[in-house]
N, C-alpha and C. Protein backbone atom coordinates (compact mmCIF):
# COMPACT_ATOMS: atom_id res chain seq x y z
N MET A 1 -23.49 13.56 -20.96
CA MET A 1 -22.06 13.37 -20.77
C MET A 1 -21.44 14.64 -20.19
N ARG A 2 -20.46 14.42 -19.33
CA ARG A 2 -19.78 15.52 -18.67
C ARG A 2 -18.37 15.68 -19.25
N ARG A 3 -17.82 16.86 -19.05
CA ARG A 3 -16.48 17.15 -19.53
C ARG A 3 -15.47 16.86 -18.43
N TYR A 4 -14.36 16.23 -18.81
CA TYR A 4 -13.29 15.87 -17.88
C TYR A 4 -11.94 16.19 -18.50
N GLU A 5 -10.93 16.33 -17.64
CA GLU A 5 -9.54 16.39 -18.06
C GLU A 5 -8.78 15.37 -17.24
N MET A 6 -7.89 14.65 -17.91
CA MET A 6 -7.07 13.66 -17.21
C MET A 6 -5.61 13.89 -17.57
N LEU A 7 -4.78 14.01 -16.54
CA LEU A 7 -3.34 14.11 -16.71
C LEU A 7 -2.75 12.74 -16.40
N LEU A 8 -1.93 12.23 -17.31
CA LEU A 8 -1.27 10.94 -17.13
C LEU A 8 0.22 11.16 -16.96
N LEU A 9 0.80 10.50 -15.97
CA LEU A 9 2.24 10.49 -15.77
C LEU A 9 2.71 9.07 -16.04
N ILE A 10 3.52 8.92 -17.07
CA ILE A 10 3.99 7.61 -17.51
C ILE A 10 5.47 7.49 -17.17
N THR A 11 5.88 6.33 -16.71
CA THR A 11 7.26 6.11 -16.27
C THR A 11 8.27 6.39 -17.39
N ASP A 12 9.45 6.83 -16.98
CA ASP A 12 10.51 7.06 -17.96
C ASP A 12 11.44 5.86 -18.08
N ARG A 13 11.06 4.75 -17.47
CA ARG A 13 11.85 3.52 -17.61
C ARG A 13 11.67 2.88 -18.98
N ILE A 14 10.71 3.38 -19.74
CA ILE A 14 10.48 2.92 -21.10
C ILE A 14 10.86 4.05 -22.05
N ASP A 15 11.04 3.72 -23.33
CA ASP A 15 11.39 4.78 -24.28
C ASP A 15 10.14 5.58 -24.66
N GLU A 16 10.35 6.68 -25.36
CA GLU A 16 9.24 7.59 -25.66
C GLU A 16 8.18 6.94 -26.55
N GLU A 17 8.59 6.08 -27.47
CA GLU A 17 7.61 5.41 -28.34
C GLU A 17 6.66 4.53 -27.52
N ALA A 18 7.20 3.81 -26.55
CA ALA A 18 6.36 2.97 -25.69
C ALA A 18 5.47 3.83 -24.80
N ALA A 19 5.97 4.97 -24.36
CA ALA A 19 5.17 5.88 -23.54
C ALA A 19 4.01 6.45 -24.36
N ILE A 20 4.28 6.80 -25.61
CA ILE A 20 3.21 7.30 -26.49
C ILE A 20 2.18 6.20 -26.73
N ALA A 21 2.64 4.95 -26.86
CA ALA A 21 1.73 3.82 -27.04
C ALA A 21 0.83 3.65 -25.81
N ALA A 22 1.37 3.86 -24.61
CA ALA A 22 0.56 3.78 -23.38
C ALA A 22 -0.47 4.91 -23.35
N PHE A 23 -0.07 6.09 -23.80
CA PHE A 23 -0.98 7.24 -23.88
C PHE A 23 -2.09 6.97 -24.90
N ASP A 24 -1.71 6.39 -26.04
CA ASP A 24 -2.70 6.04 -27.07
C ASP A 24 -3.66 4.97 -26.56
N ARG A 25 -3.16 4.06 -25.73
CA ARG A 25 -4.02 3.02 -25.15
C ARG A 25 -5.11 3.66 -24.28
N ALA A 26 -4.76 4.70 -23.54
CA ALA A 26 -5.76 5.41 -22.73
C ALA A 26 -6.84 6.02 -23.63
N LYS A 27 -6.42 6.56 -24.78
CA LYS A 27 -7.39 7.13 -25.72
C LYS A 27 -8.29 6.04 -26.30
N GLU A 28 -7.72 4.86 -26.59
CA GLU A 28 -8.51 3.75 -27.10
C GLU A 28 -9.54 3.28 -26.08
N ILE A 29 -9.13 3.19 -24.82
CA ILE A 29 -10.05 2.78 -23.76
C ILE A 29 -11.19 3.77 -23.65
N LEU A 30 -10.88 5.04 -23.73
CA LEU A 30 -11.90 6.08 -23.68
C LEU A 30 -12.91 5.91 -24.82
N ALA A 31 -12.41 5.65 -26.03
CA ALA A 31 -13.30 5.46 -27.18
C ALA A 31 -14.16 4.20 -27.01
N GLU A 32 -13.57 3.13 -26.49
CA GLU A 32 -14.32 1.89 -26.26
C GLU A 32 -15.45 2.10 -25.26
N GLN A 33 -15.26 3.00 -24.32
CA GLN A 33 -16.27 3.28 -23.29
C GLN A 33 -17.31 4.30 -23.75
N GLY A 34 -17.20 4.76 -24.98
CA GLY A 34 -18.17 5.70 -25.52
C GLY A 34 -17.85 7.15 -25.25
N GLY A 35 -16.64 7.43 -24.83
CA GLY A 35 -16.23 8.81 -24.57
C GLY A 35 -15.89 9.54 -25.86
N ASN A 36 -15.93 10.86 -25.78
CA ASN A 36 -15.64 11.72 -26.93
C ASN A 36 -14.39 12.53 -26.60
N LEU A 37 -13.28 12.23 -27.28
CA LEU A 37 -12.02 12.94 -27.06
C LEU A 37 -12.09 14.30 -27.74
N LEU A 38 -11.97 15.37 -26.95
CA LEU A 38 -12.02 16.74 -27.47
C LEU A 38 -10.64 17.21 -27.89
N GLU A 39 -9.65 16.91 -27.06
CA GLU A 39 -8.29 17.37 -27.34
C GLU A 39 -7.32 16.52 -26.54
N ASP A 40 -6.15 16.30 -27.09
CA ASP A 40 -5.10 15.63 -26.34
C ASP A 40 -3.79 16.39 -26.53
N ALA A 41 -2.95 16.31 -25.54
CA ALA A 41 -1.66 17.01 -25.59
C ALA A 41 -0.59 16.09 -25.03
N TRP A 42 0.44 15.85 -25.80
CA TRP A 42 1.59 15.06 -25.35
C TRP A 42 2.68 16.04 -24.96
N TRP A 43 3.02 16.08 -23.68
CA TRP A 43 4.02 17.02 -23.18
C TRP A 43 5.43 16.46 -23.24
N GLY A 44 5.55 15.16 -23.38
CA GLY A 44 6.87 14.54 -23.46
C GLY A 44 7.51 14.33 -22.10
N ARG A 45 8.83 14.18 -22.12
CA ARG A 45 9.58 13.88 -20.89
C ARG A 45 9.87 15.17 -20.14
N ARG A 46 9.52 15.17 -18.86
CA ARG A 46 9.75 16.34 -18.02
C ARG A 46 10.26 15.92 -16.65
N LYS A 47 10.87 16.85 -15.97
CA LYS A 47 11.36 16.61 -14.62
C LYS A 47 10.18 16.65 -13.65
N LEU A 48 10.17 15.70 -12.72
CA LEU A 48 9.12 15.65 -11.71
C LEU A 48 9.41 16.67 -10.60
N GLY A 49 8.37 17.08 -9.90
CA GLY A 49 8.54 17.99 -8.78
C GLY A 49 9.24 17.33 -7.61
N TYR A 50 9.10 16.02 -7.49
CA TYR A 50 9.75 15.24 -6.46
C TYR A 50 9.90 13.81 -6.97
N GLU A 51 10.76 13.04 -6.37
CA GLU A 51 11.00 11.68 -6.82
C GLU A 51 9.79 10.79 -6.56
N ILE A 52 9.48 9.95 -7.54
CA ILE A 52 8.44 8.94 -7.42
C ILE A 52 9.09 7.63 -7.84
N GLU A 53 9.07 6.64 -6.95
CA GLU A 53 9.67 5.34 -7.22
C GLU A 53 11.15 5.48 -7.65
N LYS A 54 11.87 6.36 -6.98
CA LYS A 54 13.29 6.64 -7.22
C LYS A 54 13.57 7.15 -8.62
N ARG A 55 12.60 7.78 -9.24
CA ARG A 55 12.76 8.37 -10.58
C ARG A 55 12.49 9.86 -10.47
N ASP A 56 13.21 10.67 -11.25
CA ASP A 56 13.00 12.12 -11.19
C ASP A 56 12.49 12.70 -12.51
N HIS A 57 12.20 11.84 -13.49
CA HIS A 57 11.61 12.28 -14.76
C HIS A 57 10.44 11.36 -15.12
N GLY A 58 9.57 11.84 -15.98
CA GLY A 58 8.46 11.05 -16.47
C GLY A 58 7.88 11.67 -17.73
N PHE A 59 7.04 10.93 -18.41
CA PHE A 59 6.36 11.42 -19.61
C PHE A 59 4.95 11.87 -19.22
N TYR A 60 4.56 13.04 -19.70
CA TYR A 60 3.26 13.61 -19.37
C TYR A 60 2.36 13.66 -20.60
N GLY A 61 1.08 13.41 -20.39
CA GLY A 61 0.07 13.56 -21.43
C GLY A 61 -1.24 14.01 -20.81
N VAL A 62 -2.00 14.82 -21.54
CA VAL A 62 -3.28 15.34 -21.04
C VAL A 62 -4.39 14.99 -22.02
N LEU A 63 -5.50 14.48 -21.49
CA LEU A 63 -6.68 14.19 -22.29
C LEU A 63 -7.81 15.11 -21.86
N ASP A 64 -8.46 15.75 -22.79
CA ASP A 64 -9.64 16.58 -22.55
C ASP A 64 -10.78 15.87 -23.27
N PHE A 65 -11.79 15.42 -22.52
CA PHE A 65 -12.82 14.58 -23.12
C PHE A 65 -14.17 14.74 -22.45
N GLU A 66 -15.18 14.21 -23.12
CA GLU A 66 -16.53 14.11 -22.58
C GLU A 66 -16.86 12.64 -22.42
N ALA A 67 -17.43 12.27 -21.27
CA ALA A 67 -17.78 10.87 -21.02
C ALA A 67 -18.78 10.79 -19.88
N THR A 68 -19.35 9.61 -19.73
CA THR A 68 -20.25 9.36 -18.61
C THR A 68 -19.40 9.05 -17.38
N PRO A 69 -19.96 9.23 -16.20
CA PRO A 69 -19.20 8.90 -14.98
C PRO A 69 -18.78 7.42 -14.94
N GLU A 70 -19.60 6.54 -15.49
CA GLU A 70 -19.25 5.12 -15.52
C GLU A 70 -18.04 4.87 -16.41
N ALA A 71 -17.97 5.57 -17.54
CA ALA A 71 -16.84 5.42 -18.45
C ALA A 71 -15.56 5.93 -17.80
N VAL A 72 -15.65 7.02 -17.06
CA VAL A 72 -14.48 7.56 -16.37
C VAL A 72 -14.01 6.59 -15.28
N SER A 73 -14.94 5.99 -14.57
CA SER A 73 -14.58 5.01 -13.54
C SER A 73 -13.84 3.83 -14.14
N GLU A 74 -14.30 3.35 -15.28
CA GLU A 74 -13.64 2.23 -15.95
C GLU A 74 -12.26 2.63 -16.47
N LEU A 75 -12.14 3.82 -17.04
CA LEU A 75 -10.85 4.32 -17.51
C LEU A 75 -9.87 4.43 -16.34
N GLU A 76 -10.31 4.97 -15.22
CA GLU A 76 -9.45 5.10 -14.05
C GLU A 76 -9.05 3.73 -13.50
N ARG A 77 -9.98 2.77 -13.51
CA ARG A 77 -9.68 1.42 -13.04
C ARG A 77 -8.57 0.80 -13.89
N LEU A 78 -8.67 0.97 -15.20
CA LEU A 78 -7.66 0.40 -16.10
C LEU A 78 -6.32 1.13 -16.01
N MET A 79 -6.35 2.43 -15.69
CA MET A 79 -5.09 3.17 -15.51
C MET A 79 -4.39 2.72 -14.22
N LYS A 80 -5.16 2.34 -13.20
CA LYS A 80 -4.56 1.83 -11.96
C LYS A 80 -3.85 0.51 -12.21
N ILE A 81 -4.39 -0.29 -13.13
CA ILE A 81 -3.81 -1.60 -13.43
C ILE A 81 -2.58 -1.48 -14.34
N ALA A 82 -2.55 -0.47 -15.19
CA ALA A 82 -1.48 -0.32 -16.19
C ALA A 82 -0.12 -0.16 -15.51
N ASP A 83 0.84 -0.96 -15.93
CA ASP A 83 2.18 -0.93 -15.33
C ASP A 83 2.95 0.34 -15.66
N ASP A 84 2.73 0.90 -16.85
CA ASP A 84 3.50 2.05 -17.29
C ASP A 84 2.99 3.38 -16.73
N VAL A 85 1.75 3.41 -16.24
CA VAL A 85 1.17 4.65 -15.70
C VAL A 85 1.54 4.75 -14.22
N VAL A 86 2.32 5.78 -13.89
CA VAL A 86 2.77 5.98 -12.51
C VAL A 86 1.68 6.69 -11.71
N ARG A 87 1.13 7.76 -12.26
CA ARG A 87 0.07 8.53 -11.61
C ARG A 87 -0.88 9.05 -12.68
N PHE A 88 -2.10 9.37 -12.24
CA PHE A 88 -3.05 10.06 -13.10
C PHE A 88 -3.98 10.87 -12.22
N LYS A 89 -4.56 11.90 -12.79
CA LYS A 89 -5.50 12.75 -12.06
C LYS A 89 -6.60 13.15 -13.02
N THR A 90 -7.84 12.92 -12.60
CA THR A 90 -9.00 13.29 -13.41
C THR A 90 -9.76 14.39 -12.69
N VAL A 91 -10.08 15.46 -13.42
CA VAL A 91 -10.83 16.58 -12.84
C VAL A 91 -11.95 16.98 -13.79
N ARG A 92 -12.96 17.60 -13.23
CA ARG A 92 -14.01 18.22 -14.03
C ARG A 92 -13.74 19.72 -14.02
N PRO A 93 -13.29 20.29 -15.14
CA PRO A 93 -12.82 21.67 -15.14
C PRO A 93 -13.88 22.71 -14.80
N GLU A 94 -15.16 22.43 -15.04
CA GLU A 94 -16.17 23.45 -14.76
C GLU A 94 -16.61 23.46 -13.29
N VAL A 95 -16.22 22.45 -12.53
CA VAL A 95 -16.61 22.40 -11.12
C VAL A 95 -15.60 23.22 -10.32
N ARG A 96 -16.10 24.19 -9.58
CA ARG A 96 -15.26 25.07 -8.78
C ARG A 96 -15.63 24.92 -7.30
N VAL A 97 -14.70 25.26 -6.45
CA VAL A 97 -14.94 25.20 -5.02
C VAL A 97 -15.83 26.36 -4.62
N ARG A 98 -16.83 26.06 -3.81
CA ARG A 98 -17.73 27.13 -3.35
C ARG A 98 -17.03 27.96 -2.27
N ARG A 99 -17.28 29.23 -2.31
CA ARG A 99 -16.72 30.12 -1.30
C ARG A 99 -17.71 30.25 -0.14
N SER A 100 -17.19 30.32 1.07
CA SER A 100 -18.07 30.48 2.22
C SER A 100 -18.62 31.89 2.25
N ALA A 101 -19.85 32.01 2.75
CA ALA A 101 -20.54 33.31 2.74
C ALA A 101 -20.05 34.22 3.84
């Protein structure tokens, strides 16, 4: 299993309790896929850097986890389908860009 971090941006058209429920759903999906949640952080409602879908605020949450590439693909597929998730980004923190010689 590899280590990943996922940032979720959840719409502010719903209240904070519903946004936390959407964040918890992502954690449940990860567990169903056999992933191991190392740490999670709920950042709450924050101002966006630019407008997305005519909104200037959103709820942020970060998941730090270990999972197989197949589990991450399934999690990302379900986040694309989720109505409350506006954007998400998954990265492997130990992978760095190689410098040219």
